[in-house]
Amino acid sequence: MIEKPQLKRLGLYELKQDKLWFHEECFGFLDQRKQAKMRCYKIQIKKNLDNLNGVRCEASRHFRNKKDEYLIAKIDEL
């Protein structure tokens, strides 16, 4: 049987790779998504699930837009 390595649970962690487009505003969206997920797991009602889906969609849209802006600026720079 193969043992899985134990994951260290830390409050804050470093990003695996440098994402230059990932700013403080993105951390706010990440925190909102985490809080919505915790509410959904804690009290499983339709309202919390709908809220989680909305927050996920909004966060993903924000991340995608920030990354696109960064890539467009990088292309223009080149």
N, C-alpha and C. Protein backbone atom coordinates (compact mmCIF):
# COMPACT_ATOMS: atom_id res chain seq x y z
N MET A 1 0.85 -1.18 0.00
CA MET A 1 0.00 0.00 0.00
C MET A 1 0.89 1.24 0.00
N ILE A 2 0.57 2.17 -0.85
CA ILE A 2 1.33 3.41 -0.95
C ILE A 2 0.75 4.44 0.01
N GLU A 3 1.61 5.01 0.82
CA GLU A 3 1.16 6.02 1.77
C GLU A 3 1.20 7.40 1.13
N LYS A 4 0.17 8.18 1.40
CA LYS A 4 0.14 9.55 0.90
C LYS A 4 0.91 10.44 1.87
N PRO A 5 1.68 11.38 1.35
CA PRO A 5 2.42 12.28 2.25
C PRO A 5 1.45 13.17 3.04
N GLN A 6 1.80 13.42 4.26
CA GLN A 6 0.98 14.28 5.11
C GLN A 6 1.10 15.73 4.63
N LEU A 7 -0.02 16.40 4.52
CA LEU A 7 -0.02 17.79 4.13
C LEU A 7 0.07 18.66 5.37
N LYS A 8 0.94 19.62 5.33
CA LYS A 8 1.04 20.56 6.44
C LYS A 8 0.00 21.63 6.24
N ARG A 9 -0.80 21.85 7.22
CA ARG A 9 -1.86 22.85 7.12
C ARG A 9 -1.37 24.14 7.77
N LEU A 10 -1.24 25.15 6.95
CA LEU A 10 -0.78 26.45 7.41
C LEU A 10 -1.81 27.50 7.05
N GLY A 11 -1.87 28.56 7.81
CA GLY A 11 -2.80 29.63 7.53
C GLY A 11 -2.45 30.36 6.24
N LEU A 12 -1.21 30.71 6.07
CA LEU A 12 -0.74 31.39 4.87
C LEU A 12 0.32 30.53 4.21
N TYR A 13 0.39 30.62 2.91
CA TYR A 13 1.37 29.85 2.19
C TYR A 13 1.86 30.65 1.00
N GLU A 14 3.01 30.28 0.51
CA GLU A 14 3.56 30.95 -0.65
C GLU A 14 2.95 30.35 -1.90
N LEU A 15 2.83 31.17 -2.93
CA LEU A 15 2.32 30.67 -4.19
C LEU A 15 3.33 29.70 -4.80
N LYS A 16 2.84 28.69 -5.50
CA LYS A 16 3.72 27.70 -6.09
C LYS A 16 4.59 28.32 -7.19
N GLN A 17 4.04 29.25 -7.91
CA GLN A 17 4.79 29.95 -8.94
C GLN A 17 4.42 31.42 -8.87
N ASP A 18 5.31 32.25 -9.34
CA ASP A 18 5.03 33.67 -9.32
C ASP A 18 3.99 34.01 -10.38
N LYS A 19 2.87 34.51 -9.94
CA LYS A 19 1.83 34.95 -10.86
C LYS A 19 1.78 36.46 -10.74
N LEU A 20 2.38 37.12 -11.68
CA LEU A 20 2.50 38.57 -11.60
C LEU A 20 1.17 39.28 -11.68
N TRP A 21 0.16 38.63 -12.22
CA TRP A 21 -1.15 39.25 -12.36
C TRP A 21 -1.99 39.08 -11.10
N PHE A 22 -1.53 38.27 -10.15
CA PHE A 22 -2.28 37.97 -8.93
C PHE A 22 -1.95 39.01 -7.87
N HIS A 23 -2.87 39.98 -7.65
CA HIS A 23 -2.63 41.09 -6.72
C HIS A 23 -3.44 40.92 -5.45
N GLU A 24 -3.35 41.90 -4.58
CA GLU A 24 -4.07 41.89 -3.31
C GLU A 24 -5.59 41.75 -3.50
N GLU A 25 -6.09 42.37 -4.55
CA GLU A 25 -7.53 42.29 -4.83
C GLU A 25 -7.94 40.84 -5.08
N CYS A 26 -7.08 40.09 -5.71
CA CYS A 26 -7.36 38.68 -5.99
C CYS A 26 -7.41 37.87 -4.69
N PHE A 27 -6.57 38.22 -3.73
CA PHE A 27 -6.61 37.53 -2.44
C PHE A 27 -7.96 37.76 -1.74
N GLY A 28 -8.55 38.95 -1.95
CA GLY A 28 -9.86 39.23 -1.39
C GLY A 28 -10.92 38.31 -1.98
N PHE A 29 -10.88 38.12 -3.30
CA PHE A 29 -11.83 37.21 -3.94
C PHE A 29 -11.60 35.78 -3.48
N LEU A 30 -10.34 35.40 -3.30
CA LEU A 30 -10.01 34.07 -2.84
C LEU A 30 -10.56 33.84 -1.43
N ASP A 31 -10.44 34.85 -0.57
CA ASP A 31 -10.96 34.75 0.79
C ASP A 31 -12.49 34.68 0.80
N GLN A 32 -13.16 35.47 -0.05
CA GLN A 32 -14.62 35.41 -0.14
C GLN A 32 -15.07 34.03 -0.56
N ARG A 33 -14.38 33.44 -1.53
CA ARG A 33 -14.74 32.11 -2.01
C ARG A 33 -14.55 31.08 -0.90
N LYS A 34 -13.48 31.22 -0.14
CA LYS A 34 -13.22 30.29 0.96
C LYS A 34 -14.31 30.39 2.04
N GLN A 35 -14.68 31.62 2.39
CA GLN A 35 -15.72 31.82 3.40
C GLN A 35 -17.06 31.26 2.94
N ALA A 36 -17.40 31.47 1.67
CA ALA A 36 -18.66 30.95 1.14
C ALA A 36 -18.66 29.42 1.16
N LYS A 37 -17.52 28.83 0.85
CA LYS A 37 -17.42 27.37 0.86
C LYS A 37 -17.59 26.83 2.28
N MET A 38 -16.99 27.51 3.25
CA MET A 38 -17.11 27.06 4.63
C MET A 38 -18.56 27.18 5.13
N ARG A 39 -19.25 28.28 4.75
CA ARG A 39 -20.66 28.42 5.12
C ARG A 39 -21.50 27.31 4.50
N CYS A 40 -21.20 26.98 3.26
CA CYS A 40 -21.96 25.95 2.54
C CYS A 40 -21.76 24.59 3.19
N TYR A 41 -20.53 24.27 3.60
CA TYR A 41 -20.26 22.99 4.23
C TYR A 41 -20.84 22.92 5.64
N LYS A 42 -20.83 24.05 6.32
CA LYS A 42 -21.31 24.08 7.70
C LYS A 42 -22.82 23.92 7.77
N ILE A 43 -23.55 24.72 6.99
CA ILE A 43 -25.01 24.66 6.96
C ILE A 43 -25.43 24.46 5.51
N GLN A 44 -25.81 23.24 5.19
CA GLN A 44 -26.10 22.90 3.81
C GLN A 44 -27.56 23.23 3.48
N ILE A 45 -27.76 24.46 3.02
CA ILE A 45 -29.07 24.86 2.54
C ILE A 45 -28.90 25.46 1.14
N LYS A 46 -29.98 25.52 0.41
CA LYS A 46 -29.92 25.97 -0.99
C LYS A 46 -29.38 27.39 -1.10
N LYS A 47 -29.73 28.26 -0.14
CA LYS A 47 -29.27 29.65 -0.17
C LYS A 47 -27.74 29.72 -0.14
N ASN A 48 -27.11 28.93 0.74
CA ASN A 48 -25.65 28.93 0.84
C ASN A 48 -25.01 28.35 -0.42
N LEU A 49 -25.63 27.33 -1.00
CA LEU A 49 -25.10 26.74 -2.23
C LEU A 49 -25.19 27.72 -3.39
N ASP A 50 -26.31 28.44 -3.48
CA ASP A 50 -26.45 29.45 -4.53
C ASP A 50 -25.43 30.57 -4.35
N ASN A 51 -25.22 30.97 -3.10
CA ASN A 51 -24.23 32.00 -2.81
C ASN A 51 -22.83 31.53 -3.21
N LEU A 52 -22.50 30.28 -2.88
CA LEU A 52 -21.19 29.73 -3.23
C LEU A 52 -21.00 29.72 -4.74
N ASN A 53 -22.00 29.30 -5.48
CA ASN A 53 -21.89 29.28 -6.93
C ASN A 53 -21.69 30.68 -7.50
N GLY A 54 -22.39 31.67 -6.95
CA GLY A 54 -22.23 33.05 -7.40
C GLY A 54 -20.84 33.59 -7.10
N VAL A 55 -20.34 33.32 -5.91
CA VAL A 55 -19.01 33.79 -5.52
C VAL A 55 -17.94 33.11 -6.36
N ARG A 56 -18.09 31.82 -6.60
CA ARG A 56 -17.13 31.09 -7.45
C ARG A 56 -17.08 31.69 -8.85
N CYS A 57 -18.25 31.95 -9.41
CA CYS A 57 -18.34 32.51 -10.75
C CYS A 57 -17.68 33.88 -10.81
N GLU A 58 -17.99 34.71 -9.82
CA GLU A 58 -17.43 36.06 -9.77
C GLU A 58 -15.91 36.03 -9.61
N ALA A 59 -15.42 35.16 -8.73
CA ALA A 59 -13.98 35.06 -8.51
C ALA A 59 -13.27 34.56 -9.77
N SER A 60 -13.83 33.54 -10.40
CA SER A 60 -13.22 33.01 -11.62
C SER A 60 -13.18 34.06 -12.72
N ARG A 61 -14.26 34.81 -12.84
CA ARG A 61 -14.32 35.86 -13.85
C ARG A 61 -13.26 36.91 -13.58
N HIS A 62 -13.11 37.30 -12.31
CA HIS A 62 -12.12 38.31 -11.93
C HIS A 62 -10.70 37.81 -12.25
N PHE A 63 -10.40 36.55 -11.85
CA PHE A 63 -9.07 35.99 -12.11
C PHE A 63 -8.80 35.94 -13.61
N ARG A 64 -9.76 35.50 -14.38
CA ARG A 64 -9.60 35.39 -15.82
C ARG A 64 -9.34 36.76 -16.45
N ASN A 65 -10.11 37.78 -16.01
CA ASN A 65 -9.93 39.13 -16.55
C ASN A 65 -8.56 39.70 -16.19
N LYS A 66 -8.12 39.50 -14.95
CA LYS A 66 -6.81 40.00 -14.53
C LYS A 66 -5.69 39.33 -15.33
N LYS A 67 -5.81 38.02 -15.53
CA LYS A 67 -4.79 37.30 -16.29
C LYS A 67 -4.78 37.77 -17.74
N ASP A 68 -5.96 37.97 -18.32
CA ASP A 68 -6.04 38.46 -19.70
C ASP A 68 -5.42 39.84 -19.84
N GLU A 69 -5.71 40.75 -18.88
CA GLU A 69 -5.12 42.09 -18.90
C GLU A 69 -3.60 42.00 -18.84
N TYR A 70 -3.09 41.14 -17.98
CA TYR A 70 -1.65 40.98 -17.84
C TYR A 70 -1.03 40.47 -19.14
N LEU A 71 -1.67 39.45 -19.73
CA LEU A 71 -1.12 38.87 -20.96
C LEU A 71 -1.17 39.86 -22.13
N ILE A 72 -2.24 40.63 -22.22
CA ILE A 72 -2.35 41.65 -23.29
C ILE A 72 -1.26 42.71 -23.11
N ALA A 73 -1.02 43.13 -21.87
CA ALA A 73 0.04 44.11 -21.60
C ALA A 73 1.41 43.54 -21.95
N LYS A 74 1.61 42.27 -21.63
CA LYS A 74 2.88 41.61 -21.92
C LYS A 74 3.09 41.50 -23.43
N ILE A 75 2.04 41.17 -24.18
CA ILE A 75 2.14 41.07 -25.63
C ILE A 75 2.44 42.44 -26.25
N ASP A 76 1.77 43.48 -25.76
CA ASP A 76 2.03 44.82 -26.25
C ASP A 76 3.47 45.26 -25.97
N GLU A 77 3.97 44.84 -24.81
CA GLU A 77 5.34 45.16 -24.43
C GLU A 77 6.36 44.53 -25.38
N LEU A 78 6.05 43.32 -25.81
CA LEU A 78 6.98 42.61 -26.71
C LEU A 78 6.88 43.19 -28.10
